Amino acid sequence: MKVSVKIDNQLFDVEIENLYTRPIIAVVDGQRFEVWPEVNPTVTTAPPAPAPAVPGPAASAGAASAPALTASDAKTVYAPIPGVIVAVSVSPGDMIEAGQELCVLEAMKMKNAIRAPRVGQIAAVRVSEGQHVKHHYPLVEYAE
């Protein structure tokens, strides 16, 4: 997900790789940062559905574990943040390319283009314009 952030009248280009892995990798104006969000023990929320593990480049190379799903294996594209769907750019049956815009999600007065993580055919579009979505809500599903 790519966003522009304005802090004290200075504009920063920020790219966030995967919100579901820890640490979260953020690239700010070309400089890479590892972000460890604080865990609030008083808040107990369960995710609406299990998220596929999508390791970023910071995944431990030497760790012995089962192979995880990559973005190219994912069948569902989830909302990275809560917001309102302001545009839907695909329909079921469409063949799409990696990086193609699927929909636009507005959050905190910023429009975020949600892009395809891989090539494939759209099986279902789970959102419509004007719909409010929560974090990790399924937006689009691939046929296979």
C-alpha atoms as a PDB file:
ATOM      1  CA  MET A   1       0.000   0.000   0.000  1.00  0.00           C
ATOM      2  CA  LYS A   2       1.413   3.390  -0.982  1.00  0.00           C
ATOM      3  CA  VAL A   3       0.382   6.643   0.684  1.00  0.00           C
ATOM      4  CA  SER A   4       1.614  10.203   0.952  1.00  0.00           C
ATOM      5  CA  VAL A   5       1.848  11.597   4.482  1.00  0.00           C
ATOM      6  CA  LYS A   6       2.145  15.274   5.338  1.00  0.00           C
ATOM      7  CA  ILE A   7       3.881  16.104   8.623  1.00  0.00           C
ATOM      8  CA  ASP A   8       4.683  19.723   9.521  1.00  0.00           C
ATOM      9  CA  ASN A   9       4.124  20.798   5.903  1.00  0.00           C
ATOM     10  CA  GLN A  10       6.606  18.196   4.640  1.00  0.00           C
ATOM     11  CA  LEU A  11       5.314  15.479   2.297  1.00  0.00           C
ATOM     12  CA  PHE A  12       6.607  11.886   2.649  1.00  0.00           C
ATOM     13  CA  ASP A  13       5.980   8.971   0.268  1.00  0.00           C
ATOM     14  CA  VAL A  14       5.324   5.873   2.390  1.00  0.00           C
ATOM     15  CA  GLU A  15       5.024   2.288   1.181  1.00  0.00           C
ATOM     16  CA  ILE A  16       3.788  -0.302   3.679  1.00  0.00           C
ATOM     17  CA  GLU A  17       4.421  -3.902   2.688  1.00  0.00           C
ATOM     18  CA  ASN A  18       2.158  -6.154   4.797  1.00  0.00           C
ATOM     19  CA  LEU A  19       0.100  -5.127   7.808  1.00  0.00           C
ATOM     20  CA  TYR A  20      -0.236  -8.714   9.033  1.00  0.00           C
ATOM     21  CA  THR A  21       3.426  -9.583   9.534  1.00  0.00           C
ATOM     22  CA  ARG A  22       5.640  -8.413  12.376  1.00  0.00           C
ATOM     23  CA  PRO A  23       7.579  -6.281  12.090  1.00  0.00           C
ATOM     24  CA  ILE A  24       5.649  -4.178   9.597  1.00  0.00           C
ATOM     25  CA  ILE A  25       8.043  -2.954   6.906  1.00  0.00           C
ATOM     26  CA  ALA A  26       7.583   0.685   5.914  1.00  0.00           C
ATOM     27  CA  VAL A  27       9.676   2.425   3.265  1.00  0.00           C
ATOM     28  CA  VAL A  28       9.665   6.203   3.759  1.00  0.00           C
ATOM     29  CA  ASP A  29      11.207   8.199   0.893  1.00  0.00           C
ATOM     30  CA  GLY A  30      13.407   5.212   0.046  1.00  0.00           C
ATOM     31  CA  GLN A  31      14.534   4.482   3.626  1.00  0.00           C
ATOM     32  CA  ARG A  32      13.400   1.157   5.140  1.00  0.00           C
ATOM     33  CA  PHE A  33      11.967   0.985   8.692  1.00  0.00           C
ATOM     34  CA  GLU A  34      10.756  -1.928  10.789  1.00  0.00           C
ATOM     35  CA  VAL A  35       7.685  -0.997  12.829  1.00  0.00           C
ATOM     36  CA  TRP A  36       6.548  -2.993  15.860  1.00  0.00           C
ATOM     37  CA  PRO A  37       3.004  -1.836  16.762  1.00  0.00           C
ATOM     38  CA  GLU A  38       2.260  -1.723  20.463  1.00  0.00           C
ATOM     39  CA  VAL A  39      -0.022  -4.428  21.765  1.00  0.00           C
ATOM     40  CA  ASN A  40      -2.820  -3.126  23.979  1.00  0.00           C
ATOM     41  CA  PRO A  41      -3.682  -5.896  26.496  1.00  0.00           C
ATOM     42  CA  THR A  42      -7.030  -4.248  27.337  1.00  0.00           C
ATOM     43  CA  VAL A  43      -8.273  -4.556  23.766  1.00  0.00           C
ATOM     44  CA  THR A  44      -9.376  -8.012  22.752  1.00  0.00           C
ATOM     45  CA  THR A  45     -10.422  -8.259  19.152  1.00  0.00           C
ATOM     46  CA  ALA A  46     -10.480 -11.271  16.920  1.00  0.00           C
ATOM     47  CA  PRO A  47      -9.823 -10.878  13.212  1.00  0.00           C
ATOM     48  CA  PRO A  48     -12.934 -11.449  11.069  1.00  0.00           C
ATOM     49  CA  ALA A  49     -11.186 -14.219   9.141  1.00  0.00           C
ATOM     50  CA  PRO A  50      -7.737 -15.762   9.282  1.00  0.00           C
ATOM     51  CA  ALA A  51      -5.347 -13.798   7.108  1.00  0.00           C
ATOM     52  CA  PRO A  52      -2.995 -15.690   4.843  1.00  0.00           C
ATOM     53  CA  ALA A  53       0.595 -15.283   5.934  1.00  0.00           C
ATOM     54  CA  VAL A  54       2.400 -13.104   3.417  1.00  0.00           C
ATOM     55  CA  PRO A  55       6.047 -12.775   4.376  1.00  0.00           C
ATOM     56  CA  GLY A  56       7.797  -9.586   3.390  1.00  0.00           C
ATOM     57  CA  PRO A  57      11.500  -9.221   2.640  1.00  0.00           C
ATOM     58  CA  ALA A  58      12.149  -8.954   6.376  1.00  0.00           C
ATOM     59  CA  ALA A  59      11.012 -12.545   6.977  1.00  0.00           C
ATOM     60  CA  SER A  60      13.717 -14.437   8.772  1.00  0.00           C
ATOM     61  CA  ALA A  61      15.743 -16.250   6.154  1.00  0.00           C
ATOM     62  CA  GLY A  62      17.224 -18.813   8.506  1.00  0.00           C
ATOM     63  CA  ALA A  63      14.055 -19.742  10.355  1.00  0.00           C
ATOM     64  CA  ALA A  64      12.887 -23.301   9.815  1.00  0.00           C
ATOM     65  CA  SER A  65       9.154 -23.217   9.153  1.00  0.00           C
ATOM     66  CA  ALA A  66       6.537 -24.454   6.743  1.00  0.00           C
ATOM     67  CA  PRO A  67       6.313 -22.514   3.488  1.00  0.00           C
ATOM     68  CA  ALA A  68       3.932 -19.577   3.825  1.00  0.00           C
ATOM     69  CA  LEU A  69       1.555 -18.202   1.238  1.00  0.00           C
ATOM     70  CA  THR A  70       2.886 -15.370  -0.855  1.00  0.00           C
ATOM     71  CA  ALA A  71       0.870 -12.569  -2.408  1.00  0.00           C
ATOM     72  CA  SER A  72       0.921 -14.525  -5.672  1.00  0.00           C
ATOM     73  CA  ASP A  73      -0.796 -17.469  -3.902  1.00  0.00           C
ATOM     74  CA  ALA A  74      -3.501 -15.425  -2.151  1.00  0.00           C
ATOM     75  CA  LYS A  75      -7.038 -16.059  -3.348  1.00  0.00           C
ATOM     76  CA  THR A  76      -8.637 -13.099  -1.519  1.00  0.00           C
ATOM     77  CA  VAL A  77      -7.657  -9.428  -1.352  1.00  0.00           C
ATOM     78  CA  TYR A  78      -8.520  -7.877   2.029  1.00  0.00           C
ATOM     79  CA  ALA A  79      -9.028  -4.255   3.116  1.00  0.00           C
ATOM     80  CA  PRO A  80      -5.717  -3.058   4.589  1.00  0.00           C
ATOM     81  CA  ILE A  81      -7.522  -0.366   6.633  1.00  0.00           C
ATOM     82  CA  PRO A  82     -11.128   0.508   7.514  1.00  0.00           C
ATOM     83  CA  GLY A  83     -12.849   3.006   5.242  1.00  0.00           C
ATOM     84  CA  VAL A  84     -15.412   3.605   2.494  1.00  0.00           C
ATOM     85  CA  ILE A  85     -15.255   2.102  -0.998  1.00  0.00           C
ATOM     86  CA  VAL A  86     -15.443   5.052  -3.420  1.00  0.00           C
ATOM     87  CA  ALA A  87     -14.805   3.154  -6.676  1.00  0.00           C
ATOM     88  CA  VAL A  88     -14.801  -0.444  -7.903  1.00  0.00           C
ATOM     89  CA  SER A  89     -12.694  -1.019 -11.019  1.00  0.00           C
ATOM     90  CA  VAL A  90     -13.225  -4.745 -11.702  1.00  0.00           C
ATOM     91  CA  SER A  91     -16.087  -7.183 -12.226  1.00  0.00           C
ATOM     92  CA  PRO A  92     -16.406 -10.952 -11.848  1.00  0.00           C
ATOM     93  CA  GLY A  93     -14.848 -12.681 -14.852  1.00  0.00           C
ATOM     94  CA  ASP A  94     -12.313  -9.900 -15.543  1.00  0.00           C
ATOM     95  CA  MET A  95      -8.735 -10.980 -16.259  1.00  0.00           C
ATOM     96  CA  ILE A  96      -6.375  -8.674 -14.387  1.00  0.00           C
ATOM     97  CA  GLU A  97      -2.660  -7.966 -14.226  1.00  0.00           C
ATOM     98  CA  ALA A  98      -0.520  -7.629 -11.119  1.00  0.00           C
ATOM     99  CA  GLY A  99      -0.663  -4.040  -9.903  1.00  0.00           C
ATOM    100  CA  GLN A 100      -3.960  -3.264 -11.627  1.00  0.00           C
ATOM    101  CA  GLU A 101      -6.379  -1.170  -9.561  1.00  0.00           C
ATOM    102  CA  LEU A 102      -9.173  -3.269  -8.047  1.00  0.00           C
ATOM    103  CA  CYS A 103     -10.955  -0.566  -6.062  1.00  0.00           C
ATOM    104  CA  VAL A 104     -10.392   2.711  -4.224  1.00  0.00           C
ATOM    105  CA  LEU A 105     -10.831   2.850  -0.454  1.00  0.00           C
ATOM    106  CA  GLU A 106     -11.121   6.231   1.260  1.00  0.00           C
ATOM    107  CA  ALA A 107      -9.873   6.428   4.831  1.00  0.00           C
ATOM    108  CA  MET A 108      -9.230   9.569   6.860  1.00  0.00           C
ATOM    109  CA  LYS A 109      -9.901  11.757   3.786  1.00  0.00           C
ATOM    110  CA  MET A 110      -7.237   9.914   1.750  1.00  0.00           C
ATOM    111  CA  LYS A 111      -8.036   7.798  -1.282  1.00  0.00           C
ATOM    112  CA  ASN A 112      -6.078   4.528  -1.379  1.00  0.00           C
ATOM    113  CA  ALA A 113      -5.928   2.485  -4.576  1.00  0.00           C
ATOM    114  CA  ILE A 114      -6.159  -1.210  -3.729  1.00  0.00           C
ATOM    115  CA  ARG A 115      -4.127  -3.045  -6.358  1.00  0.00           C
ATOM    116  CA  ALA A 116      -4.013  -6.644  -7.525  1.00  0.00           C
ATOM    117  CA  PRO A 117      -1.206  -8.641  -5.901  1.00  0.00           C
ATOM    118  CA  ARG A 118      -1.067 -11.022  -8.875  1.00  0.00           C
ATOM    119  CA  VAL A 119      -2.343 -11.917 -12.324  1.00  0.00           C
ATOM    120  CA  GLY A 120      -5.611 -13.822 -12.452  1.00  0.00           C
ATOM    121  CA  GLN A 121      -9.336 -13.893 -13.075  1.00  0.00           C
ATOM    122  CA  ILE A 122     -11.781 -12.238 -10.682  1.00  0.00           C
ATOM    123  CA  ALA A 123     -14.294 -14.705  -9.254  1.00  0.00           C
ATOM    124  CA  ALA A 124     -16.204 -12.318  -6.980  1.00  0.00           C
ATOM    125  CA  VAL A 125     -16.280  -8.670  -5.993  1.00  0.00           C
ATOM    126  CA  ARG A 126     -17.444  -8.467  -2.370  1.00  0.00           C
ATOM    127  CA  VAL A 127     -17.856  -4.667  -2.149  1.00  0.00           C
ATOM    128  CA  SER A 128     -19.778  -1.878  -3.866  1.00  0.00           C
ATOM    129  CA  GLU A 129     -19.383   1.892  -4.072  1.00  0.00           C
ATOM    130  CA  GLY A 130     -20.386   3.661  -0.875  1.00  0.00           C
ATOM    131  CA  GLN A 131     -19.939   0.556   1.281  1.00  0.00           C
ATOM    132  CA  HIS A 132     -18.167   0.938   4.632  1.00  0.00           C
ATOM    133  CA  VAL A 133     -15.613  -1.810   5.259  1.00  0.00           C
ATOM    134  CA  LYS A 134     -13.663  -2.813   8.334  1.00  0.00           C
ATOM    135  CA  HIS A 135      -9.989  -3.708   8.473  1.00  0.00           C
ATOM    136  CA  HIS A 136      -9.378  -7.103   6.813  1.00  0.00           C
ATOM    137  CA  TYR A 137     -12.800  -7.197   5.120  1.00  0.00           C
ATOM    138  CA  PRO A 138     -12.669  -9.329   1.925  1.00  0.00           C
ATOM    139  CA  LEU A 139     -12.782  -7.038  -1.121  1.00  0.00           C
ATOM    140  CA  VAL A 140     -12.117  -9.259  -4.150  1.00  0.00           C
ATOM    141  CA  GLU A 141     -11.652 -12.988  -4.686  1.00  0.00           C
ATOM    142  CA  TYR A 142      -9.656 -14.674  -7.443  1.00  0.00           C
ATOM    143  CA  ALA A 143     -11.025 -17.677  -9.345  1.00  0.00           C
ATOM    144  CA  GLU A 144      -7.844 -19.696  -8.693  1.00  0.00           C
END
